[in-house]
C-alpha atoms as a PDB file:
ATOM      1  CA  MET A   1      77.160  88.001 190.736  1.00  0.00           C
ATOM      2  CA  ARG A   2      78.053  91.549 190.251  1.00  0.00           C
ATOM      3  CA  ARG A   3      81.619  90.677 190.641  1.00  0.00           C
ATOM      4  CA  LEU A   4      81.332  88.038 187.989  1.00  0.00           C
ATOM      5  CA  LYS A   5      79.852  90.543 185.574  1.00  0.00           C
ATOM      6  CA  ARG A   6      82.669  92.966 186.312  1.00  0.00           C
ATOM      7  CA  TRP A   7      85.188  90.210 185.839  1.00  0.00           C
ATOM      8  CA  ARG A   8      83.629  89.273 182.481  1.00  0.00           C
ATOM      9  CA  THR A   9      83.615  92.896 181.388  1.00  0.00           C
ATOM     10  CA  PHE A  10      87.223  93.236 182.448  1.00  0.00           C
ATOM     11  CA  LEU A  11      88.166  90.104 180.502  1.00  0.00           C
ATOM     12  CA  LEU A  12      86.294  91.327 177.457  1.00  0.00           C
ATOM     13  CA  VAL A  13      88.021  94.708 177.576  1.00  0.00           C
ATOM     14  CA  LEU A  14      91.374  93.006 178.154  1.00  0.00           C
ATOM     15  CA  CYS A  15      90.783  90.672 175.178  1.00  0.00           C
ATOM     16  CA  ALA A  16      89.776  93.629 173.049  1.00  0.00           C
ATOM     17  CA  ILE A  17      92.940  95.511 174.005  1.00  0.00           C
ATOM     18  CA  ILE A  18      95.111  92.464 173.360  1.00  0.00           C
ATOM     19  CA  GLY A  19      93.373  91.882 170.024  1.00  0.00           C
ATOM     20  CA  THR A  20      93.840  95.500 169.023  1.00  0.00           C
ATOM     21  CA  LEU A  21      97.524  95.395 169.969  1.00  0.00           C
ATOM     22  CA  ALA A  22      98.024  92.124 168.122  1.00  0.00           C
ATOM     23  CA  SER A  23      96.350  93.397 165.016  1.00  0.00           C
ATOM     24  CA  ALA A  24      98.365  96.621 165.186  1.00  0.00           C
ATOM     25  CA  LEU A  25     101.594  94.630 165.465  1.00  0.00           C
ATOM     26  CA  TRP A  26     100.542  92.354 162.617  1.00  0.00           C
ATOM     27  CA  VAL A  27      99.644  95.326 160.405  1.00  0.00           C
ATOM     28  CA  GLU A  28     102.946  97.025 161.261  1.00  0.00           C
ATOM     29  CA  ASN A  29     104.949  93.893 160.437  1.00  0.00           C
ATOM     30  CA  SER A  30     103.053  93.339 157.216  1.00  0.00           C
ATOM     31  CA  SER A  31     103.477  96.992 156.187  1.00  0.00           C
ATOM     32  CA  VAL A  32     107.241  96.768 156.811  1.00  0.00           C
ATOM     33  CA  SER A  33     107.474  93.669 154.632  1.00  0.00           C
ATOM     34  CA  ALA A  34     105.180  95.325 152.089  1.00  0.00           C
ATOM     35  CA  ASP A  35     107.414  98.416 152.074  1.00  0.00           C
ATOM     36  CA  VAL A  36     110.441  96.239 151.419  1.00  0.00           C
ATOM     37  CA  ALA A  37     108.560  94.437 148.637  1.00  0.00           C
ATOM     38  CA  ASN A  38     107.323  97.761 147.260  1.00  0.00           C
ATOM     39  CA  THR A  39     110.815  99.270 147.142  1.00  0.00           C
ATOM     40  CA  GLN A  40     112.040  96.179 145.349  1.00  0.00           C
ATOM     41  CA  ASP A  41     109.116  96.384 142.954  1.00  0.00           C
ATOM     42  CA  VAL A  42     109.687 100.097 142.370  1.00  0.00           C
ATOM     43  CA  THR A  43     113.332  99.582 141.414  1.00  0.00           C
ATOM     44  CA  ALA A  44     112.405  96.687 139.150  1.00  0.00           C
ATOM     45  CA  LEU A  45     109.684  98.784 137.568  1.00  0.00           C
ATOM     46  CA  GLU A  46     112.042 101.723 137.075  1.00  0.00           C
ATOM     47  CA  ARG A  47     114.571  99.435 135.401  1.00  0.00           C
ATOM     48  CA  ARG A  48     111.884  97.948 133.149  1.00  0.00           C
ATOM     49  CA  ILE A  49     110.557 101.404 132.222  1.00  0.00           C
ATOM     50  CA  SER A  50     114.045 102.613 131.312  1.00  0.00           C
ATOM     51  CA  GLN A  51     114.511  99.511 129.121  1.00  0.00           C
ATOM     52  CA  LEU A  52     111.222 100.236 127.362  1.00  0.00           C
ATOM     53  CA  GLU A  53     112.236 103.878 126.869  1.00  0.00           C
ATOM     54  CA  GLN A  54     115.507 102.750 125.280  1.00  0.00           C
ATOM     55  CA  ARG A  55     113.652 100.387 122.941  1.00  0.00           C
ATOM     56  CA  PHE A  56     111.220 103.145 121.933  1.00  0.00           C
ATOM     57  CA  TYR A  57     114.132 105.488 121.278  1.00  0.00           C
ATOM     58  CA  THR A  58     115.797 102.825 119.112  1.00  0.00           C
ATOM     59  CA  LEU A  59     112.567 102.269 117.178  1.00  0.00           C
ATOM     60  CA  GLU A  60     112.086 106.000 116.682  1.00  0.00           C
ATOM     61  CA  THR A  61     115.639 106.363 115.404  1.00  0.00           C
ATOM     62  CA  SER A  62     115.138 103.483 112.963  1.00  0.00           C
ATOM     63  CA  ILE A  63     111.885 104.947 111.682  1.00  0.00           C
ATOM     64  CA  ASN A  64     113.515 108.354 111.155  1.00  0.00           C
ATOM     65  CA  ARG A  65     116.361 106.716 109.218  1.00  0.00           C
ATOM     66  CA  LEU A  66     113.905 104.825 107.016  1.00  0.00           C
ATOM     67  CA  GLU A  67     111.926 108.016 106.319  1.00  0.00           C
ATOM     68  CA  GLN A  68     115.134 109.778 105.283  1.00  0.00           C
ATOM     69  CA  GLN A  69     116.082 106.918 102.966  1.00  0.00           C
ATOM     70  CA  VAL A  70     112.646 106.950 101.350  1.00  0.00           C
ATOM     71  CA  SER A  71     112.704 110.699 100.816  1.00  0.00           C
ATOM     72  CA  LEU A  72     116.208 110.485  99.333  1.00  0.00           C
ATOM     73  CA  SER A  73     115.212 107.655  97.004  1.00  0.00           C
ATOM     74  CA  GLU A  74     112.159 109.569  95.759  1.00  0.00           C
ATOM     75  CA  ARG A  75     114.206 112.636  94.815  1.00  0.00           C
ATOM     76  CA  PRO A  76     116.335 112.497  91.697  1.00  0.00           C
ATOM     77  CA  SER A  77     119.912 112.295  92.803  1.00  0.00           C
ATOM     78  CA  VAL A  78     122.240 115.221  92.217  1.00  0.00           C
ATOM     79  CA  ALA A  79     125.027 112.930  91.055  1.00  0.00           C
ATOM     80  CA  GLN A  80     122.976 111.750  88.049  1.00  0.00           C
ATOM     81  CA  PRO A  81     121.268 114.790  86.530  1.00  0.00           C
ATOM     82  CA  GLY A  82     121.473 113.231  83.068  1.00  0.00           C
ATOM     83  CA  VAL A  83     119.075 110.421  83.982  1.00  0.00           C
ATOM     84  CA  ALA A  84     116.245 112.768  84.959  1.00  0.00           C
ATOM     85  CA  ARG A  85     116.962 114.915  81.942  1.00  0.00           C
ATOM     86  CA  ASP A  86     116.882 111.886  79.623  1.00  0.00           C
ATOM     87  CA  VAL A  87     113.468 110.925  80.979  1.00  0.00           C
ATOM     88  CA  GLU A  88     112.182 114.452  80.403  1.00  0.00           C
ATOM     89  CA  VAL A  89     113.613 114.535  76.883  1.00  0.00           C
ATOM     90  CA  THR A  90     112.012 111.183  76.044  1.00  0.00           C
ATOM     91  CA  LEU A  91     108.672 112.376  77.375  1.00  0.00           C
ATOM     92  CA  LEU A  92     108.894 115.618  75.381  1.00  0.00           C
ATOM     93  CA  ARG A  93     109.814 113.711  72.212  1.00  0.00           C
ATOM     94  CA  SER A  94     106.834 111.412  72.546  1.00  0.00           C
ATOM     95  CA  GLN A  95     104.540 114.384  73.079  1.00  0.00           C
ATOM     96  CA  VAL A  96     105.960 116.172  70.022  1.00  0.00           C
ATOM     97  CA  GLU A  97     105.453 113.034  67.896  1.00  0.00           C
ATOM     98  CA  MET A  98     101.878 112.754  69.110  1.00  0.00           C
ATOM     99  CA  LEU A  99     101.230 116.408  68.224  1.00  0.00           C
ATOM    100  CA  GLN A 100     102.780 115.900  64.769  1.00  0.00           C
ATOM    101  CA  ARG A 101     100.479 112.927  64.085  1.00  0.00           C
ATOM    102  CA  ARG A 102      97.508 114.984  65.218  1.00  0.00           C
ATOM    103  CA  LEU A 103      98.562 117.879  62.958  1.00  0.00           C
ATOM    104  CA  ASN A 104      98.891 115.492  59.983  1.00  0.00           C
ATOM    105  CA  GLU A 105      95.373 114.175  60.635  1.00  0.00           C
ATOM    106  CA  ILE A 106      94.015 117.714  60.741  1.00  0.00           C
ATOM    107  CA  ASP A 107      95.855 118.623  57.513  1.00  0.00           C
ATOM    108  CA  CYS A 108      94.391 115.565  55.802  1.00  0.00           C
ATOM    109  CA  GLY A 109      90.920 116.421  57.078  1.00  0.00           C
ATOM    110  CA  LEU A 110      91.294 119.981  55.758  1.00  0.00           C
ATOM    111  CA  ALA A 111      92.325 118.638  52.345  1.00  0.00           C
ATOM    112  CA  LYS A 112      89.234 116.384  52.301  1.00  0.00           C
ATOM    113  CA  LEU A 113      87.011 119.319  53.170  1.00  0.00           C
ATOM    114  CA  ASP A 114      88.684 121.409  50.478  1.00  0.00           C
ATOM    115  CA  GLU A 115      88.049 118.671  47.953  1.00  0.00           C
ATOM    116  CA  ARG A 116      84.417 118.393  49.028  1.00  0.00           C
ATOM    117  CA  THR A 117      83.801 122.114  48.696  1.00  0.00           C
ATOM    118  CA  LEU A 118      85.233 122.339  45.201  1.00  0.00           C
ATOM    119  CA  ALA A 119      82.798 122.890  42.394  1.00  0.00           C
ATOM    120  CA  PRO A 120      82.121 119.705  40.428  1.00  0.00           C
ATOM    121  CA  ALA A 121      83.828 121.201  37.349  1.00  0.00           C
ATOM    122  CA  ALA A 122      86.988 122.040  39.339  1.00  0.00           C
ATOM    123  CA  ARG A 123      86.988 118.588  40.847  1.00  0.00           C
ATOM    124  CA  GLU A 124      86.722 116.982  37.419  1.00  0.00           C
ATOM    125  CA  ALA A 125      89.535 119.193  36.108  1.00  0.00           C
ATOM    126  CA  ARG A 126      91.762 118.040  38.975  1.00  0.00           C
ATOM    127  CA  ARG A 127      91.031 114.402  38.246  1.00  0.00           C
ATOM    128  CA  LYS A 128      91.915 114.844  34.612  1.00  0.00           C
ATOM    129  CA  ALA A 129      95.107 116.680  35.498  1.00  0.00           C
ATOM    130  CA  GLY A 130      96.096 113.811  37.867  1.00  0.00           C
ATOM    131  CA  THR A 131      96.782 115.971  40.942  1.00  0.00           C
ATOM    132  CA  ASN A 132      94.437 113.862  43.093  1.00  0.00           C
ATOM    133  CA  ASN A 133      96.748 110.869  42.816  1.00  0.00           C
ATOM    134  CA  ILE A 134      99.540 112.828  44.499  1.00  0.00           C
ATOM    135  CA  ASP A 135      97.656 113.628  47.730  1.00  0.00           C
ATOM    136  CA  PRO A 136      96.176 110.511  49.417  1.00  0.00           C
ATOM    137  CA  CYS A 137      93.842 112.676  51.529  1.00  0.00           C
ATOM    138  CA  ARG A 138      92.097 113.974  48.428  1.00  0.00           C
ATOM    139  CA  LEU A 139      91.591 110.514  46.875  1.00  0.00           C
ATOM    140  CA  ASN A 140      88.508 109.613  48.843  1.00  0.00           C
ATOM    141  CA  ALA A 141      87.163 113.036  49.778  1.00  0.00           C
ATOM    142  CA  ASP A 142      83.640 111.780  50.440  1.00  0.00           C
ATOM    143  CA  ALA A 143      84.771 109.466  53.259  1.00  0.00           C
ATOM    144  CA  PRO A 144      83.966 110.746  56.750  1.00  0.00           C
ATOM    145  CA  LEU A 145      86.682 112.531  58.711  1.00  0.00           C
ATOM    146  CA  ARG A 146      88.153 110.382  61.456  1.00  0.00           C
ATOM    147  CA  LEU A 147      90.509 112.083  63.871  1.00  0.00           C
ATOM    148  CA  SER A 148      92.238 110.284  66.703  1.00  0.00           C
ATOM    149  CA  ALA A 149      91.332 111.114  70.270  1.00  0.00           C
ATOM    150  CA  ARG A 150      92.675 114.391  71.567  1.00  0.00           C
ATOM    151  CA  PRO A 151      95.911 114.191  73.521  1.00  0.00           C
END
């Protein structure tokens, strides 16, 4: 009986050793095939990464070109200085006309105030002399002053 137990123990140890060796061989074979697959995957990945880098570089170059075109289009061109100058001249003319209208309104308002502050005898003398008909601002001196909005 003792012998049988030893024999069983020996068989168990032998099976364990054989199992360990088999698993070691299987792991070694699978790691060799995995290494081959990994090296193939690494080269494919490197190729794909370099393609992506090239695409990013192309996109970056295109974006830089577009930014340059936008900045050049926003600046007045050197070849056409007259165009920018014409725009400035037109703007200045419109501002001068607006200031002239405002000055005319103020002059008319001052004439109305002058007419209002005249003594009634002086006002009557002006009416008889006919000088009120010449200046339209003095015709209706009692009307309220209405100035346009400030520029």
